[in-house]
Each structure stands twice: as C-alpha cells, then as structure tokens.
Amino acid sequence: MSPLKIIVLLALFYLLYRLFSAGRRKKVNAGAASSERPPVGHDVLVEDPVCHAYVPKGQAIALRHGDKTHYFCSEKCCRVFLTHSDQEKGETG
C-alpha cells in the first residue's frame, strides 16, 4: 500500500470520527441546556416605554418604579425615563 493511500484512509477515518463524535456532543449539550434556562429565542419580548423597542425580557434592564416594573433596552432609556418621571413629580407635587 502506498503512503498516499494510507494518508487518504487516515483522513477519512478522522473525518468519520469527527462526524460521529460531534453528534454525540450535541445530544449531551442539548440535555444540559434544557435544565438551565430557556434559549433566548423562547424569551418573552417586552416594550421599552421610552423608545418603544422590543427587548427579550431576560436581556432587558428592569426598573421597579412604584408598584410597576418597567423594562428598558439600555441604561440611557432608563435614565431618560427616570428624568421624565422626576419632572412630572415636580410639576404635580
């Protein structure tokens, strides 16, 4: 058997090994991921009250304001909301 045939056979065996071992890893990782939290694709979208962007609830910045929780896409929107609500309190109070 020539050295070229040996190299080609070794490469084929290696590729087959990688294909089968990758399939097993995906199954093991899928079981581990399901026991933690749901993937981002299954997260509920919430609307930012300032810019009206929709953000996954798990990634949003939450702010408890009074008896309601507001969700923001960024810290900037959160600051704008707080500044605006403080101004409204000053006008009505």
N, C-alpha and C. Protein backbone atom coordinates (compact mmCIF):
# COMPACT_ATOMS: atom_id res chain seq x y z
N MET A 1 0.85 -1.17 0.00
CA MET A 1 0.00 0.00 0.00
C MET A 1 0.90 1.24 0.00
N SER A 2 0.53 2.19 -0.85
CA SER A 2 1.37 3.37 -0.99
C SER A 2 1.09 4.35 0.16
N PRO A 3 2.06 5.21 0.47
CA PRO A 3 1.88 6.18 1.55
C PRO A 3 0.70 7.14 1.28
N LEU A 4 0.43 7.44 0.03
CA LEU A 4 -0.68 8.34 -0.31
C LEU A 4 -2.02 7.70 0.07
N LYS A 5 -2.18 6.41 -0.20
CA LYS A 5 -3.41 5.71 0.17
C LYS A 5 -3.59 5.67 1.69
N ILE A 6 -2.51 5.48 2.41
CA ILE A 6 -2.58 5.45 3.87
C ILE A 6 -3.03 6.81 4.41
N ILE A 7 -2.48 7.87 3.85
CA ILE A 7 -2.83 9.22 4.29
C ILE A 7 -4.31 9.50 4.00
N VAL A 8 -4.77 9.11 2.81
CA VAL A 8 -6.18 9.32 2.45
C VAL A 8 -7.09 8.52 3.38
N LEU A 9 -6.76 7.27 3.68
CA LEU A 9 -7.56 6.46 4.59
C LEU A 9 -7.59 7.05 6.00
N LEU A 10 -6.44 7.50 6.47
CA LEU A 10 -6.39 8.12 7.80
C LEU A 10 -7.26 9.38 7.85
N ALA A 11 -7.23 10.17 6.78
CA ALA A 11 -8.05 11.38 6.73
C ALA A 11 -9.53 11.03 6.74
N LEU A 12 -9.92 9.99 6.01
CA LEU A 12 -11.32 9.56 6.01
C LEU A 12 -11.76 9.07 7.37
N PHE A 13 -10.93 8.27 8.03
CA PHE A 13 -11.26 7.78 9.37
C PHE A 13 -11.39 8.94 10.36
N TYR A 14 -10.52 9.92 10.22
CA TYR A 14 -10.58 11.08 11.11
C TYR A 14 -11.88 11.86 10.90
N LEU A 15 -12.25 12.08 9.63
CA LEU A 15 -13.48 12.81 9.35
C LEU A 15 -14.71 12.05 9.87
N LEU A 16 -14.74 10.74 9.70
CA LEU A 16 -15.85 9.95 10.22
C LEU A 16 -15.91 10.03 11.74
N TYR A 17 -14.76 9.97 12.39
CA TYR A 17 -14.71 10.08 13.84
C TYR A 17 -15.27 11.43 14.29
N ARG A 18 -14.88 12.51 13.60
CA ARG A 18 -15.36 13.85 13.97
C ARG A 18 -16.88 13.97 13.77
N LEU A 19 -17.40 13.38 12.69
CA LEU A 19 -18.84 13.43 12.46
C LEU A 19 -19.61 12.72 13.56
N PHE A 20 -19.19 11.53 13.94
CA PHE A 20 -19.90 10.78 14.96
C PHE A 20 -19.73 11.38 16.35
N SER A 21 -18.55 11.88 16.66
CA SER A 21 -18.35 12.46 17.99
C SER A 21 -19.07 13.79 18.13
N ALA A 22 -19.22 14.57 17.06
CA ALA A 22 -19.96 15.83 17.11
C ALA A 22 -21.44 15.58 17.37
N GLY A 23 -21.99 14.53 16.80
CA GLY A 23 -23.39 14.20 17.02
C GLY A 23 -23.66 13.84 18.47
N ARG A 24 -22.75 13.14 19.09
CA ARG A 24 -22.93 12.78 20.50
C ARG A 24 -22.82 14.01 21.39
N ARG A 25 -21.90 14.91 21.08
CA ARG A 25 -21.73 16.12 21.89
C ARG A 25 -22.98 16.99 21.83
N LYS A 26 -23.60 17.09 20.67
CA LYS A 26 -24.81 17.91 20.55
C LYS A 26 -25.91 17.37 21.43
N LYS A 27 -26.06 16.05 21.47
CA LYS A 27 -27.10 15.45 22.30
C LYS A 27 -26.83 15.70 23.77
N VAL A 28 -25.58 15.58 24.20
CA VAL A 28 -25.23 15.80 25.60
C VAL A 28 -25.43 17.26 25.96
N ASN A 29 -24.99 18.18 25.10
CA ASN A 29 -25.14 19.60 25.37
C ASN A 29 -26.60 20.03 25.35
N ALA A 30 -27.41 19.42 24.50
CA ALA A 30 -28.83 19.78 24.46
C ALA A 30 -29.51 19.41 25.77
N GLY A 31 -29.15 18.30 26.36
CA GLY A 31 -29.73 17.91 27.64
C GLY A 31 -29.30 18.84 28.75
N ALA A 32 -28.08 19.31 28.74
CA ALA A 32 -27.59 20.22 29.77
C ALA A 32 -28.24 21.59 29.63
N ALA A 33 -28.43 22.05 28.41
CA ALA A 33 -29.01 23.38 28.20
C ALA A 33 -30.48 23.42 28.62
N SER A 34 -31.19 22.33 28.44
CA SER A 34 -32.62 22.35 28.76
C SER A 34 -32.86 22.41 30.26
N SER A 35 -31.90 21.98 31.07
CA SER A 35 -32.09 22.01 32.51
C SER A 35 -31.82 23.40 33.10
N GLU A 36 -31.15 24.27 32.33
CA GLU A 36 -30.86 25.61 32.82
C GLU A 36 -32.02 26.54 32.49
N ARG A 37 -31.81 27.57 31.74
CA ARG A 37 -32.90 28.48 31.38
C ARG A 37 -33.22 28.31 29.90
N PRO A 38 -34.39 28.73 29.45
CA PRO A 38 -34.76 28.53 28.04
C PRO A 38 -33.88 29.37 27.13
N PRO A 39 -33.70 28.93 25.89
CA PRO A 39 -32.89 29.70 24.95
C PRO A 39 -33.49 31.08 24.73
N VAL A 40 -32.66 32.00 24.23
CA VAL A 40 -33.10 33.37 24.04
C VAL A 40 -34.28 33.43 23.07
N GLY A 41 -34.34 32.52 22.12
CA GLY A 41 -35.43 32.50 21.16
C GLY A 41 -36.78 32.28 21.80
N HIS A 42 -36.84 31.74 22.99
CA HIS A 42 -38.10 31.48 23.67
C HIS A 42 -38.40 32.52 24.75
N ASP A 43 -37.64 33.58 24.81
CA ASP A 43 -37.83 34.60 25.82
C ASP A 43 -38.98 35.52 25.40
N VAL A 44 -39.68 36.07 26.37
CA VAL A 44 -40.81 36.96 26.11
C VAL A 44 -40.27 38.35 25.77
N LEU A 45 -40.88 38.99 24.78
CA LEU A 45 -40.47 40.34 24.41
C LEU A 45 -41.27 41.36 25.21
N VAL A 46 -40.56 42.37 25.70
CA VAL A 46 -41.19 43.46 26.44
C VAL A 46 -40.87 44.77 25.72
N GLU A 47 -41.78 45.74 25.84
CA GLU A 47 -41.60 47.01 25.14
C GLU A 47 -40.96 48.05 26.05
N ASP A 48 -39.95 48.71 25.53
CA ASP A 48 -39.30 49.81 26.23
C ASP A 48 -40.25 51.00 26.21
N PRO A 49 -40.61 51.58 27.37
CA PRO A 49 -41.57 52.69 27.38
C PRO A 49 -41.02 53.99 26.81
N VAL A 50 -39.70 54.10 26.64
CA VAL A 50 -39.12 55.34 26.13
C VAL A 50 -39.01 55.31 24.60
N CYS A 51 -38.29 54.32 24.07
CA CYS A 51 -38.06 54.28 22.61
C CYS A 51 -38.97 53.27 21.91
N HIS A 52 -39.76 52.54 22.68
CA HIS A 52 -40.74 51.57 22.16
C HIS A 52 -40.10 50.42 21.39
N ALA A 53 -38.84 50.12 21.69
CA ALA A 53 -38.18 48.95 21.11
C ALA A 53 -38.60 47.72 21.90
N TYR A 54 -38.65 46.58 21.22
CA TYR A 54 -38.96 45.33 21.90
C TYR A 54 -37.67 44.61 22.24
N VAL A 55 -37.55 44.18 23.49
CA VAL A 55 -36.33 43.58 24.02
C VAL A 55 -36.70 42.26 24.70
N PRO A 56 -35.86 41.20 24.54
CA PRO A 56 -36.13 39.99 25.31
C PRO A 56 -36.07 40.29 26.81
N LYS A 57 -37.06 39.83 27.55
CA LYS A 57 -37.17 40.16 28.97
C LYS A 57 -35.92 39.76 29.74
N GLY A 58 -35.28 38.66 29.36
CA GLY A 58 -34.08 38.21 30.04
C GLY A 58 -32.88 39.12 29.83
N GLN A 59 -32.89 39.91 28.76
CA GLN A 59 -31.77 40.81 28.46
C GLN A 59 -32.09 42.27 28.79
N ALA A 60 -33.32 42.56 29.13
CA ALA A 60 -33.73 43.94 29.38
C ALA A 60 -33.26 44.40 30.76
N ILE A 61 -33.18 45.72 30.91
CA ILE A 61 -32.85 46.33 32.20
C ILE A 61 -34.17 46.59 32.91
N ALA A 62 -34.35 45.98 34.06
CA ALA A 62 -35.61 46.09 34.80
C ALA A 62 -35.51 47.19 35.85
N LEU A 63 -36.58 47.96 35.98
CA LEU A 63 -36.64 49.03 36.98
C LEU A 63 -38.00 48.96 37.65
N ARG A 64 -37.98 48.82 38.95
CA ARG A 64 -39.23 48.81 39.74
C ARG A 64 -39.52 50.27 40.08
N HIS A 65 -40.63 50.78 39.57
CA HIS A 65 -40.99 52.19 39.77
C HIS A 65 -42.40 52.21 40.31
N GLY A 66 -42.54 52.54 41.58
CA GLY A 66 -43.84 52.46 42.24
C GLY A 66 -44.24 51.02 42.41
N ASP A 67 -45.40 50.66 41.91
CA ASP A 67 -45.84 49.27 42.02
C ASP A 67 -45.71 48.53 40.69
N LYS A 68 -45.04 49.14 39.71
CA LYS A 68 -44.92 48.54 38.39
C LYS A 68 -43.45 48.36 38.02
N THR A 69 -43.15 47.27 37.28
CA THR A 69 -41.81 47.03 36.78
C THR A 69 -41.75 47.44 35.31
N HIS A 70 -40.79 48.27 34.97
CA HIS A 70 -40.59 48.72 33.59
C HIS A 70 -39.31 48.06 33.07
N TYR A 71 -39.29 47.76 31.77
CA TYR A 71 -38.14 47.11 31.15
C TYR A 71 -37.60 48.03 30.05
N PHE A 72 -36.26 48.16 30.01
CA PHE A 72 -35.62 49.07 29.08
C PHE A 72 -34.58 48.35 28.24
N CYS A 73 -34.36 48.88 27.03
CA CYS A 73 -33.38 48.29 26.12
C CYS A 73 -31.96 48.71 26.49
N SER A 74 -31.82 49.85 27.16
CA SER A 74 -30.48 50.34 27.52
C SER A 74 -30.56 51.18 28.78
N GLU A 75 -29.40 51.46 29.33
CA GLU A 75 -29.34 52.32 30.52
C GLU A 75 -29.73 53.76 30.17
N LYS A 76 -29.45 54.15 28.94
CA LYS A 76 -29.80 55.50 28.50
C LYS A 76 -31.32 55.69 28.57
N CYS A 77 -32.08 54.72 28.05
CA CYS A 77 -33.54 54.82 28.10
C CYS A 77 -34.04 54.80 29.54
N CYS A 78 -33.38 54.05 30.39
CA CYS A 78 -33.76 54.00 31.80
C CYS A 78 -33.56 55.37 32.44
N ARG A 79 -32.43 56.03 32.16
CA ARG A 79 -32.17 57.36 32.71
C ARG A 79 -33.17 58.39 32.19
N VAL A 80 -33.50 58.31 30.90
CA VAL A 80 -34.48 59.24 30.32
C VAL A 80 -35.82 59.06 31.01
N PHE A 81 -36.23 57.82 31.26
CA PHE A 81 -37.49 57.53 31.93
C PHE A 81 -37.49 58.12 33.34
N LEU A 82 -36.40 57.90 34.08
CA LEU A 82 -36.32 58.42 35.45
C LEU A 82 -36.34 59.94 35.47
N THR A 83 -35.62 60.56 34.55
CA THR A 83 -35.59 62.02 34.47
C THR A 83 -36.99 62.56 34.15
N HIS A 84 -37.66 61.92 33.21
CA HIS A 84 -39.00 62.35 32.81
C HIS A 84 -40.00 62.15 33.95
N SER A 85 -39.91 61.04 34.66
CA SER A 85 -40.86 60.80 35.76
C SER A 85 -40.58 61.75 36.93
N ASP A 86 -39.30 62.10 37.15
CA ASP A 86 -38.97 63.07 38.21
C ASP A 86 -39.53 64.45 37.87
N GLN A 87 -39.47 64.82 36.59
CA GLN A 87 -40.01 66.13 36.16
C GLN A 87 -41.51 66.17 36.34
N GLU A 88 -42.18 65.05 36.05
CA GLU A 88 -43.64 65.01 36.22
C GLU A 88 -44.02 65.12 37.69
N LYS A 89 -43.23 64.50 38.58
CA LYS A 89 -43.50 64.61 40.02
C LYS A 89 -43.35 66.05 40.48
N GLY A 90 -42.36 66.76 39.95
CA GLY A 90 -42.13 68.15 40.34
C GLY A 90 -43.26 69.05 39.89
N GLU A 91 -43.83 68.77 38.72
CA GLU A 91 -44.93 69.59 38.20
C GLU A 91 -46.22 69.35 38.95
N THR A 92 -46.48 68.07 39.34
CA THR A 92 -47.74 67.75 40.02
C THR A 92 -47.65 67.91 41.52
N GLY A 93 -46.44 67.88 42.06
CA GLY A 93 -46.27 67.89 43.52
C GLY A 93 -46.13 69.22 44.10
